[in-house]
Amino acid sequence: MMSSTNTGSLGRTRPALTTLAAVIAALGFASFERSPPLALLIPIGLLLLAAGLVWRPSLPSQLLVRAALWSNLLLGVLLSVNGQSIEQLPGGVVALATGAALLVLGRAGLDQPSPAFSPAAFRGSLVLALVMALADTQSLALFGALQLDRSLSAAGPLLACAGLMVIAIVGLYRLRVWGLALNIAANLLIAGLALSGALEVPRLVAWTLATTAALQLLLPLPLVVAMVRGRAPAADPARASRLRAALIPGVIMVLMTAAAIGASAGSRLIDM
């Protein structure tokens, strides 16, 4: 039996509730059809992986857990508000389960020390950037896998962007300047391709990818400015930390509310 010291600041209740929520979300995807598309194994597998990794008190594990939950929260919202009527209810289940898990976890486990990731400043911004980058990588891989049913040329840009993000994430986690530069370049590319229609995904998905890419361009901006000036504060700015602490739960609640409304509308259409 795992002791509380082995789960660090997570305790037992948070991982247990997160595991339950991740399994519920995975079952939500599995219920879409009698034989779900093979591509859905990506979110299902990552959610089940997150259900296990949440018990590990290591920063890489906690980053992967948050990324899996965030990417599937957004995917669940997209399905519940813009999917077919038979997809809206399962999408709502996915969004509500993953959103609840994120609220339960909060920042627990994200302050774990890591030999490879010990920034002198802007730790909170870098952690959030890593989570968003990992989440977008899952989304790009999923939609790329779905496009494989159409053609390799349609899937190619999505899968290439996912691969580019993986390389950027490795560099960013290791606090390499090239990782930061590649992350910025990758998000500029993703935003440009999404807005131009080159990714061949539904319009709402394209706008979502462009929005998350834009947010990832804004997150490292203070760090880039500090690097250009040749000086950096000794800690993450307190105002930015307080803003994130207040804003992120609010964003999650808004997304969960939108998913609940969409799922409710979809269930009414099915009953008619």
C-alpha atoms as a PDB file:
ATOM      1  CA  MET A   1       0.000   0.000   0.000  1.00  0.00           C
ATOM      2  CA  MET A   2       1.355   3.424  -0.980  1.00  0.00           C
ATOM      3  CA  SER A   3       2.192   5.665   1.949  1.00  0.00           C
ATOM      4  CA  SER A   4       1.382   9.343   2.068  1.00  0.00           C
ATOM      5  CA  THR A   5       5.058  10.227   1.940  1.00  0.00           C
ATOM      6  CA  ASN A   6       5.360   8.514  -1.427  1.00  0.00           C
ATOM      7  CA  THR A   7       2.669  10.713  -2.938  1.00  0.00           C
ATOM      8  CA  GLY A   8       4.270  13.924  -1.711  1.00  0.00           C
ATOM      9  CA  SER A   9       1.883  16.853  -1.408  1.00  0.00           C
ATOM     10  CA  LEU A  10      -0.817  14.915  -3.271  1.00  0.00           C
ATOM     11  CA  GLY A  11      -1.950  12.840  -0.294  1.00  0.00           C
ATOM     12  CA  ARG A  12      -4.396  10.045  -1.083  1.00  0.00           C
ATOM     13  CA  THR A  13      -7.736  11.717  -1.764  1.00  0.00           C
ATOM     14  CA  ARG A  14      -6.641  13.795  -4.762  1.00  0.00           C
ATOM     15  CA  PRO A  15      -5.064  10.881  -6.677  1.00  0.00           C
ATOM     16  CA  ALA A  16      -8.016   8.616  -5.882  1.00  0.00           C
ATOM     17  CA  LEU A  17     -10.577  11.116  -7.169  1.00  0.00           C
ATOM     18  CA  THR A  18      -8.436  11.903 -10.211  1.00  0.00           C
ATOM     19  CA  THR A  19      -8.075   8.208 -11.050  1.00  0.00           C
ATOM     20  CA  LEU A  20     -11.850   7.777 -10.829  1.00  0.00           C
ATOM     21  CA  ALA A  21     -12.482  10.838 -13.017  1.00  0.00           C
ATOM     22  CA  ALA A  22      -9.912   9.770 -15.634  1.00  0.00           C
ATOM     23  CA  VAL A  23     -11.444   6.295 -15.885  1.00  0.00           C
ATOM     24  CA  ILE A  24     -14.931   7.809 -16.252  1.00  0.00           C
ATOM     25  CA  ALA A  25     -13.641  10.074 -19.041  1.00  0.00           C
ATOM     26  CA  ALA A  26     -12.009   7.104 -20.791  1.00  0.00           C
ATOM     27  CA  LEU A  27     -15.288   5.195 -20.599  1.00  0.00           C
ATOM     28  CA  GLY A  28     -17.006   8.240 -22.064  1.00  0.00           C
ATOM     29  CA  PHE A  29     -14.840   7.979 -25.182  1.00  0.00           C
ATOM     30  CA  ALA A  30     -15.330   4.223 -25.352  1.00  0.00           C
ATOM     31  CA  SER A  31     -19.116   4.718 -25.395  1.00  0.00           C
ATOM     32  CA  PHE A  32     -19.144   6.803 -28.594  1.00  0.00           C
ATOM     33  CA  GLU A  33     -19.746   3.771 -30.794  1.00  0.00           C
ATOM     34  CA  ARG A  34     -19.826   0.016 -30.441  1.00  0.00           C
ATOM     35  CA  SER A  35     -16.470  -0.002 -32.224  1.00  0.00           C
ATOM     36  CA  PRO A  36     -14.752   3.342 -31.499  1.00  0.00           C
ATOM     37  CA  PRO A  37     -12.350   4.678 -34.161  1.00  0.00           C
ATOM     38  CA  LEU A  38      -8.811   3.456 -33.652  1.00  0.00           C
ATOM     39  CA  ALA A  39      -7.665   7.058 -33.179  1.00  0.00           C
ATOM     40  CA  LEU A  40      -9.712   7.290 -29.969  1.00  0.00           C
ATOM     41  CA  LEU A  41      -7.214   4.923 -28.390  1.00  0.00           C
ATOM     42  CA  ILE A  42      -4.957   7.991 -28.063  1.00  0.00           C
ATOM     43  CA  PRO A  43      -7.149   9.902 -25.565  1.00  0.00           C
ATOM     44  CA  ILE A  44      -8.396   6.702 -23.935  1.00  0.00           C
ATOM     45  CA  GLY A  45      -4.859   5.417 -23.445  1.00  0.00           C
ATOM     46  CA  LEU A  46      -3.565   8.745 -22.134  1.00  0.00           C
ATOM     47  CA  LEU A  47      -6.446   9.069 -19.681  1.00  0.00           C
ATOM     48  CA  LEU A  48      -5.797   5.573 -18.330  1.00  0.00           C
ATOM     49  CA  LEU A  49      -2.085   6.400 -18.157  1.00  0.00           C
ATOM     50  CA  ALA A  50      -2.925   9.577 -16.233  1.00  0.00           C
ATOM     51  CA  ALA A  51      -5.060   7.519 -13.834  1.00  0.00           C
ATOM     52  CA  GLY A  52      -1.907   5.638 -12.866  1.00  0.00           C
ATOM     53  CA  LEU A  53       0.694   8.403 -13.154  1.00  0.00           C
ATOM     54  CA  VAL A  54      -1.189  10.710 -10.783  1.00  0.00           C
ATOM     55  CA  TRP A  55       0.052   8.527  -7.920  1.00  0.00           C
ATOM     56  CA  ARG A  56       3.696   9.188  -8.843  1.00  0.00           C
ATOM     57  CA  PRO A  57       5.211  12.180  -6.999  1.00  0.00           C
ATOM     58  CA  SER A  58       7.440  13.266  -9.875  1.00  0.00           C
ATOM     59  CA  LEU A  59       7.195  16.417 -11.952  1.00  0.00           C
ATOM     60  CA  PRO A  60       7.188  14.683 -15.388  1.00  0.00           C
ATOM     61  CA  SER A  61       4.334  12.428 -14.262  1.00  0.00           C
ATOM     62  CA  GLN A  62       2.310  15.346 -12.906  1.00  0.00           C
ATOM     63  CA  LEU A  63       2.884  17.353 -16.095  1.00  0.00           C
ATOM     64  CA  LEU A  64       1.644  14.453 -18.223  1.00  0.00           C
ATOM     65  CA  VAL A  65      -1.417  14.026 -15.995  1.00  0.00           C
ATOM     66  CA  ARG A  66      -2.359  17.713 -16.313  1.00  0.00           C
ATOM     67  CA  ALA A  67      -1.772  17.655 -20.064  1.00  0.00           C
ATOM     68  CA  ALA A  68      -3.977  14.587 -20.584  1.00  0.00           C
ATOM     69  CA  LEU A  69      -6.749  16.149 -18.490  1.00  0.00           C
ATOM     70  CA  TRP A  70      -6.556  19.557 -20.197  1.00  0.00           C
ATOM     71  CA  SER A  71      -6.483  18.194 -23.745  1.00  0.00           C
ATOM     72  CA  ASN A  72      -9.465  15.952 -23.076  1.00  0.00           C
ATOM     73  CA  LEU A  73     -11.336  18.716 -21.281  1.00  0.00           C
ATOM     74  CA  LEU A  74     -11.051  20.824 -24.446  1.00  0.00           C
ATOM     75  CA  LEU A  75     -11.914  17.850 -26.663  1.00  0.00           C
ATOM     76  CA  GLY A  76     -14.936  17.054 -24.510  1.00  0.00           C
ATOM     77  CA  VAL A  77     -16.135  20.649 -24.755  1.00  0.00           C
ATOM     78  CA  LEU A  78     -15.724  20.641 -28.543  1.00  0.00           C
ATOM     79  CA  LEU A  79     -17.726  17.428 -28.817  1.00  0.00           C
ATOM     80  CA  SER A  80     -20.463  18.566 -26.459  1.00  0.00           C
ATOM     81  CA  VAL A  81     -21.039  21.942 -28.133  1.00  0.00           C
ATOM     82  CA  ASN A  82     -20.227  21.134 -31.765  1.00  0.00           C
ATOM     83  CA  GLY A  83     -20.417  17.345 -32.150  1.00  0.00           C
ATOM     84  CA  GLN A  84     -23.222  15.234 -33.506  1.00  0.00           C
ATOM     85  CA  SER A  85     -26.150  14.701 -31.150  1.00  0.00           C
ATOM     86  CA  ILE A  86     -24.953  11.193 -30.243  1.00  0.00           C
ATOM     87  CA  GLU A  87     -21.506  12.619 -29.382  1.00  0.00           C
ATOM     88  CA  GLN A  88     -22.629  15.527 -27.228  1.00  0.00           C
ATOM     89  CA  LEU A  89     -23.570  13.594 -24.096  1.00  0.00           C
ATOM     90  CA  PRO A  90     -20.376  11.470 -24.002  1.00  0.00           C
ATOM     91  CA  GLY A  91     -18.398  14.640 -24.753  1.00  0.00           C
ATOM     92  CA  GLY A  92     -20.036  16.334 -21.792  1.00  0.00           C
ATOM     93  CA  VAL A  93     -19.140  13.383 -19.558  1.00  0.00           C
ATOM     94  CA  VAL A  94     -15.508  13.616 -20.676  1.00  0.00           C
ATOM     95  CA  ALA A  95     -15.362  17.373 -20.102  1.00  0.00           C
ATOM     96  CA  LEU A  96     -17.036  17.281 -16.686  1.00  0.00           C
ATOM     97  CA  ALA A  97     -14.877  14.390 -15.470  1.00  0.00           C
ATOM     98  CA  THR A  98     -11.574  15.888 -16.618  1.00  0.00           C
ATOM     99  CA  GLY A  99     -12.519  19.376 -15.441  1.00  0.00           C
ATOM    100  CA  ALA A 100     -13.430  18.047 -12.000  1.00  0.00           C
ATOM    101  CA  ALA A 101     -10.096  16.199 -11.849  1.00  0.00           C
ATOM    102  CA  LEU A 102      -8.187  19.391 -12.661  1.00  0.00           C
ATOM    103  CA  LEU A 103     -10.056  21.300  -9.953  1.00  0.00           C
ATOM    104  CA  VAL A 104      -9.362  18.539  -7.424  1.00  0.00           C
ATOM    105  CA  LEU A 105      -5.654  18.424  -8.243  1.00  0.00           C
ATOM    106  CA  GLY A 106      -5.021  22.158  -8.341  1.00  0.00           C
ATOM    107  CA  ARG A 107      -1.265  22.737  -8.198  1.00  0.00           C
ATOM    108  CA  ALA A 108      -0.573  19.704  -6.009  1.00  0.00           C
ATOM    109  CA  GLY A 109       2.512  17.866  -7.195  1.00  0.00           C
ATOM    110  CA  LEU A 110       3.692  20.547  -9.617  1.00  0.00           C
ATOM    111  CA  ASP A 111       6.295  21.898  -7.198  1.00  0.00           C
ATOM    112  CA  GLN A 112       8.164  18.596  -7.058  1.00  0.00           C
ATOM    113  CA  PRO A 113      11.934  19.096  -7.509  1.00  0.00           C
ATOM    114  CA  SER A 114      13.471  17.815 -10.723  1.00  0.00           C
ATOM    115  CA  PRO A 115      17.177  17.714 -11.601  1.00  0.00           C
ATOM    116  CA  ALA A 116      16.432  18.566 -15.233  1.00  0.00           C
ATOM    117  CA  PHE A 117      13.931  21.325 -14.483  1.00  0.00           C
ATOM    118  CA  SER A 118      15.088  23.847 -11.887  1.00  0.00           C
ATOM    119  CA  PRO A 119      14.492  27.310 -13.364  1.00  0.00           C
ATOM    120  CA  ALA A 120      15.761  30.280 -11.368  1.00  0.00           C
ATOM    121  CA  ALA A 121      12.689  32.278 -12.358  1.00  0.00           C
ATOM    122  CA  PHE A 122       9.337  32.004 -14.118  1.00  0.00           C
ATOM    123  CA  ARG A 123       8.788  28.423 -12.936  1.00  0.00           C
ATOM    124  CA  GLY A 124       5.001  28.804 -12.889  1.00  0.00           C
ATOM    125  CA  SER A 125       4.903  30.172 -16.428  1.00  0.00           C
ATOM    126  CA  LEU A 126       7.219  27.456 -17.713  1.00  0.00           C
ATOM    127  CA  VAL A 127       5.195  24.697 -16.031  1.00  0.00           C
ATOM    128  CA  LEU A 128       1.997  26.042 -17.598  1.00  0.00           C
ATOM    129  CA  ALA A 129       3.718  26.305 -20.983  1.00  0.00           C
ATOM    130  CA  LEU A 130       4.847  22.671 -20.738  1.00  0.00           C
ATOM    131  CA  VAL A 131       1.351  21.477 -19.804  1.00  0.00           C
ATOM    132  CA  MET A 132      -0.229  23.390 -22.693  1.00  0.00           C
ATOM    133  CA  ALA A 133       2.409  22.153 -25.136  1.00  0.00           C
ATOM    134  CA  LEU A 134       1.862  18.540 -24.078  1.00  0.00           C
ATOM    135  CA  ALA A 135      -1.914  18.980 -24.315  1.00  0.00           C
ATOM    136  CA  ASP A 136      -1.686  20.459 -27.814  1.00  0.00           C
ATOM    137  CA  THR A 137       0.604  17.623 -28.872  1.00  0.00           C
ATOM    138  CA  GLN A 138      -2.074  15.095 -27.915  1.00  0.00           C
ATOM    139  CA  SER A 139      -4.724  17.088 -29.782  1.00  0.00           C
ATOM    140  CA  LEU A 140      -2.583  17.364 -32.912  1.00  0.00           C
ATOM    141  CA  ALA A 141      -1.759  13.651 -32.797  1.00  0.00           C
ATOM    142  CA  LEU A 142      -5.426  12.724 -32.350  1.00  0.00           C
ATOM    143  CA  PHE A 143      -6.710  14.833 -35.228  1.00  0.00           C
ATOM    144  CA  GLY A 144      -3.791  13.682 -37.352  1.00  0.00           C
ATOM    145  CA  ALA A 145      -4.690  10.058 -36.647  1.00  0.00           C
ATOM    146  CA  LEU A 146      -8.335  10.774 -37.502  1.00  0.00           C
ATOM    147  CA  GLN A 147      -7.265  12.355 -40.802  1.00  0.00           C
ATOM    148  CA  LEU A 148      -5.328   9.217 -41.749  1.00  0.00           C
ATOM    149  CA  ASP A 149      -8.697   7.721 -42.700  1.00  0.00           C
ATOM    150  CA  ARG A 150      -8.933  10.400 -45.408  1.00  0.00           C
ATOM    151  CA  SER A 151      -5.406  10.753 -46.733  1.00  0.00           C
ATOM    152  CA  LEU A 152      -1.791  10.980 -45.642  1.00  0.00           C
ATOM    153  CA  SER A 153      -1.545  14.478 -47.078  1.00  0.00           C
ATOM    154  CA  ALA A 154      -4.353  15.664 -44.776  1.00  0.00           C
ATOM    155  CA  ALA A 155      -2.775  14.010 -41.725  1.00  0.00           C
ATOM    156  CA  GLY A 156       0.803  15.052 -42.539  1.00  0.00           C
ATOM    157  CA  PRO A 157       0.743  18.683 -41.308  1.00  0.00           C
ATOM    158  CA  LEU A 158      -0.983  17.729 -38.042  1.00  0.00           C
ATOM    159  CA  LEU A 159       1.396  14.868 -37.284  1.00  0.00           C
ATOM    160  CA  ALA A 160       4.413  16.955 -38.298  1.00  0.00           C
ATOM    161  CA  CYS A 161       3.339  19.732 -35.918  1.00  0.00           C
ATOM    162  CA  ALA A 162       2.886  17.164 -33.145  1.00  0.00           C
ATOM    163  CA  GLY A 163       6.397  15.841 -33.743  1.00  0.00           C
ATOM    164  CA  LEU A 164       7.836  19.350 -33.736  1.00  0.00           C
ATOM    165  CA  MET A 165       6.110  20.070 -30.436  1.00  0.00           C
ATOM    166  CA  VAL A 166       7.588  16.916 -28.873  1.00  0.00           C
ATOM    167  CA  ILE A 167      11.112  18.109 -29.714  1.00  0.00           C
ATOM    168  CA  ALA A 168      10.333  21.599 -28.361  1.00  0.00           C
ATOM    169  CA  ILE A 169       8.938  20.131 -25.140  1.00  0.00           C
ATOM    170  CA  VAL A 170      12.120  18.132 -24.539  1.00  0.00           C
ATOM    171  CA  GLY A 171      14.235  21.250 -24.987  1.00  0.00           C
ATOM    172  CA  LEU A 172      11.935  23.416 -22.887  1.00  0.00           C
ATOM    173  CA  TYR A 173      11.880  20.899 -20.033  1.00  0.00           C
ATOM    174  CA  ARG A 174      15.676  20.820 -20.081  1.00  0.00           C
ATOM    175  CA  LEU A 175      15.668  24.655 -19.974  1.00  0.00           C
ATOM    176  CA  ARG A 176      17.524  24.961 -23.256  1.00  0.00           C
ATOM    177  CA  VAL A 177      17.305  28.223 -25.179  1.00  0.00           C
ATOM    178  CA  TRP A 178      16.738  26.266 -28.396  1.00  0.00           C
ATOM    179  CA  GLY A 179      13.765  24.560 -26.743  1.00  0.00           C
ATOM    180  CA  LEU A 180      12.176  27.921 -25.963  1.00  0.00           C
ATOM    181  CA  ALA A 181      12.906  29.192 -29.480  1.00  0.00           C
ATOM    182  CA  LEU A 182      11.523  26.037 -31.092  1.00  0.00           C
ATOM    183  CA  ASN A 183       8.407  26.192 -28.898  1.00  0.00           C
ATOM    184  CA  ILE A 184       7.754  29.760 -30.057  1.00  0.00           C
ATOM    185  CA  ALA A 185       8.387  28.844 -33.696  1.00  0.00           C
ATOM    186  CA  ALA A 186       6.173  25.755 -33.479  1.00  0.00           C
ATOM    187  CA  ASN A 187       3.270  27.709 -32.008  1.00  0.00           C
ATOM    188  CA  LEU A 188       3.613  30.415 -34.659  1.00  0.00           C
ATOM    189  CA  LEU A 189       3.486  27.681 -37.290  1.00  0.00           C
ATOM    190  CA  ILE A 190       0.474  25.949 -35.703  1.00  0.00           C
ATOM    191  CA  ALA A 191      -1.456  29.220 -35.366  1.00  0.00           C
ATOM    192  CA  GLY A 192      -0.690  30.156 -38.975  1.00  0.00           C
ATOM    193  CA  LEU A 193      -1.653  26.748 -40.371  1.00  0.00           C
ATOM    194  CA  ALA A 194      -4.827  26.606 -38.268  1.00  0.00           C
ATOM    195  CA  LEU A 195      -6.033  30.073 -39.276  1.00  0.00           C
ATOM    196  CA  SER A 196      -5.187  29.530 -42.957  1.00  0.00           C
ATOM    197  CA  GLY A 197      -7.167  26.274 -43.086  1.00  0.00           C
ATOM    198  CA  ALA A 198      -4.082  24.216 -43.964  1.00  0.00           C
ATOM    199  CA  LEU A 199      -4.688  21.773 -41.096  1.00  0.00           C
ATOM    200  CA  GLU A 200      -8.006  20.616 -42.614  1.00  0.00           C
ATOM    201  CA  VAL A 201      -9.846  20.337 -39.305  1.00  0.00           C
ATOM    202  CA  PRO A 202     -13.293  21.715 -38.373  1.00  0.00           C
ATOM    203  CA  ARG A 203     -13.331  25.481 -37.956  1.00  0.00           C
ATOM    204  CA  LEU A 204     -13.944  25.374 -34.201  1.00  0.00           C
ATOM    205  CA  VAL A 205     -11.019  22.974 -33.760  1.00  0.00           C
ATOM    206  CA  ALA A 206      -8.807  25.244 -35.862  1.00  0.00           C
ATOM    207  CA  TRP A 207      -9.726  28.269 -33.764  1.00  0.00           C
ATOM    208  CA  THR A 208      -9.082  26.290 -30.578  1.00  0.00           C
ATOM    209  CA  LEU A 209      -5.619  25.252 -31.781  1.00  0.00           C
ATOM    210  CA  ALA A 210      -4.860  28.824 -32.823  1.00  0.00           C
ATOM    211  CA  THR A 211      -6.023  30.160 -29.457  1.00  0.00           C
ATOM    212  CA  THR A 212      -3.944  27.725 -27.406  1.00  0.00           C
ATOM    213  CA  ALA A 213      -0.950  28.452 -29.646  1.00  0.00           C
ATOM    214  CA  ALA A 214      -1.406  32.187 -29.067  1.00  0.00           C
ATOM    215  CA  LEU A 215      -1.554  31.654 -25.300  1.00  0.00           C
ATOM    216  CA  GLN A 216       1.666  29.666 -25.467  1.00  0.00           C
ATOM    217  CA  LEU A 217       3.279  32.557 -27.323  1.00  0.00           C
ATOM    218  CA  LEU A 218       2.262  34.958 -24.550  1.00  0.00           C
ATOM    219  CA  LEU A 219       3.404  32.798 -21.618  1.00  0.00           C
ATOM    220  CA  PRO A 220       7.167  32.979 -22.239  1.00  0.00           C
ATOM    221  CA  LEU A 221       7.070  36.659 -23.244  1.00  0.00           C
ATOM    222  CA  PRO A 222       8.256  37.989 -19.844  1.00  0.00           C
ATOM    223  CA  LEU A 223      11.053  35.413 -19.879  1.00  0.00           C
ATOM    224  CA  VAL A 224      12.107  36.433 -23.390  1.00  0.00           C
ATOM    225  CA  VAL A 225      12.109  40.102 -22.355  1.00  0.00           C
ATOM    226  CA  ALA A 226      14.211  39.300 -19.286  1.00  0.00           C
ATOM    227  CA  MET A 227      16.670  37.320 -21.429  1.00  0.00           C
ATOM    228  CA  VAL A 228      16.990  40.180 -23.915  1.00  0.00           C
ATOM    229  CA  ARG A 229      17.626  42.625 -21.080  1.00  0.00           C
ATOM    230  CA  GLY A 230      20.122  40.244 -19.541  1.00  0.00           C
ATOM    231  CA  ARG A 231      18.456  40.113 -16.150  1.00  0.00           C
ATOM    232  CA  ALA A 232      15.755  37.994 -14.549  1.00  0.00           C
ATOM    233  CA  PRO A 233      13.946  38.195 -11.199  1.00  0.00           C
ATOM    234  CA  ALA A 234      14.802  35.644  -8.541  1.00  0.00           C
ATOM    235  CA  ALA A 235      11.277  34.233  -8.559  1.00  0.00           C
ATOM    236  CA  ASP A 236       8.121  34.056 -10.600  1.00  0.00           C
ATOM    237  CA  PRO A 237       6.393  37.465 -10.324  1.00  0.00           C
ATOM    238  CA  ALA A 238       3.888  37.314  -7.461  1.00  0.00           C
ATOM    239  CA  ARG A 239       1.213  39.140  -9.455  1.00  0.00           C
ATOM    240  CA  ALA A 240       1.413  36.585 -12.281  1.00  0.00           C
ATOM    241  CA  SER A 241       1.194  33.700  -9.796  1.00  0.00           C
ATOM    242  CA  ARG A 242      -1.901  35.174  -8.147  1.00  0.00           C
ATOM    243  CA  LEU A 243      -3.499  35.819 -11.529  1.00  0.00           C
ATOM    244  CA  ARG A 244      -2.962  32.209 -12.623  1.00  0.00           C
ATOM    245  CA  ALA A 245      -4.296  30.911  -9.307  1.00  0.00           C
ATOM    246  CA  ALA A 246      -7.506  32.886  -9.773  1.00  0.00           C
ATOM    247  CA  LEU A 247      -7.913  32.558 -13.540  1.00  0.00           C
ATOM    248  CA  ILE A 248      -7.312  28.870 -14.222  1.00  0.00           C
ATOM    249  CA  PRO A 249     -10.111  27.476 -11.981  1.00  0.00           C
ATOM    250  CA  GLY A 250     -12.462  30.054 -13.509  1.00  0.00           C
ATOM    251  CA  VAL A 251     -11.577  28.943 -17.033  1.00  0.00           C
ATOM    252  CA  ILE A 252     -12.158  25.309 -16.062  1.00  0.00           C
ATOM    253  CA  MET A 253     -15.572  26.137 -14.600  1.00  0.00           C
ATOM    254  CA  VAL A 254     -16.587  28.063 -17.734  1.00  0.00           C
ATOM    255  CA  LEU A 255     -15.554  25.137 -19.965  1.00  0.00           C
ATOM    256  CA  MET A 256     -17.408  22.654 -17.764  1.00  0.00           C
ATOM    257  CA  THR A 257     -20.536  24.824 -17.858  1.00  0.00           C
ATOM    258  CA  ALA A 258     -20.393  25.065 -21.653  1.00  0.00           C
ATOM    259  CA  ALA A 259     -19.976  21.288 -21.887  1.00  0.00           C
ATOM    260  CA  ALA A 260     -22.906  20.670 -19.553  1.00  0.00           C
ATOM    261  CA  ILE A 261     -25.156  22.950 -21.611  1.00  0.00           C
ATOM    262  CA  GLY A 262     -24.080  21.303 -24.867  1.00  0.00           C
ATOM    263  CA  ALA A 263     -24.532  17.785 -23.474  1.00  0.00           C
ATOM    264  CA  SER A 264     -27.975  18.677 -22.149  1.00  0.00           C
ATOM    265  CA  ALA A 265     -29.030  19.988 -25.557  1.00  0.00           C
ATOM    266  CA  GLY A 266     -27.691  16.860 -27.248  1.00  0.00           C
ATOM    267  CA  SER A 267     -29.536  14.537 -24.893  1.00  0.00           C
ATOM    268  CA  ARG A 268     -32.808  16.366 -25.563  1.00  0.00           C
ATOM    269  CA  LEU A 269     -32.310  15.934 -29.328  1.00  0.00           C
ATOM    270  CA  ILE A 270     -31.741  12.199 -28.874  1.00  0.00           C
ATOM    271  CA  ASP A 271     -34.948  11.866 -26.826  1.00  0.00           C
ATOM    272  CA  MET A 272     -37.050  13.642 -29.463  1.00  0.00           C
END
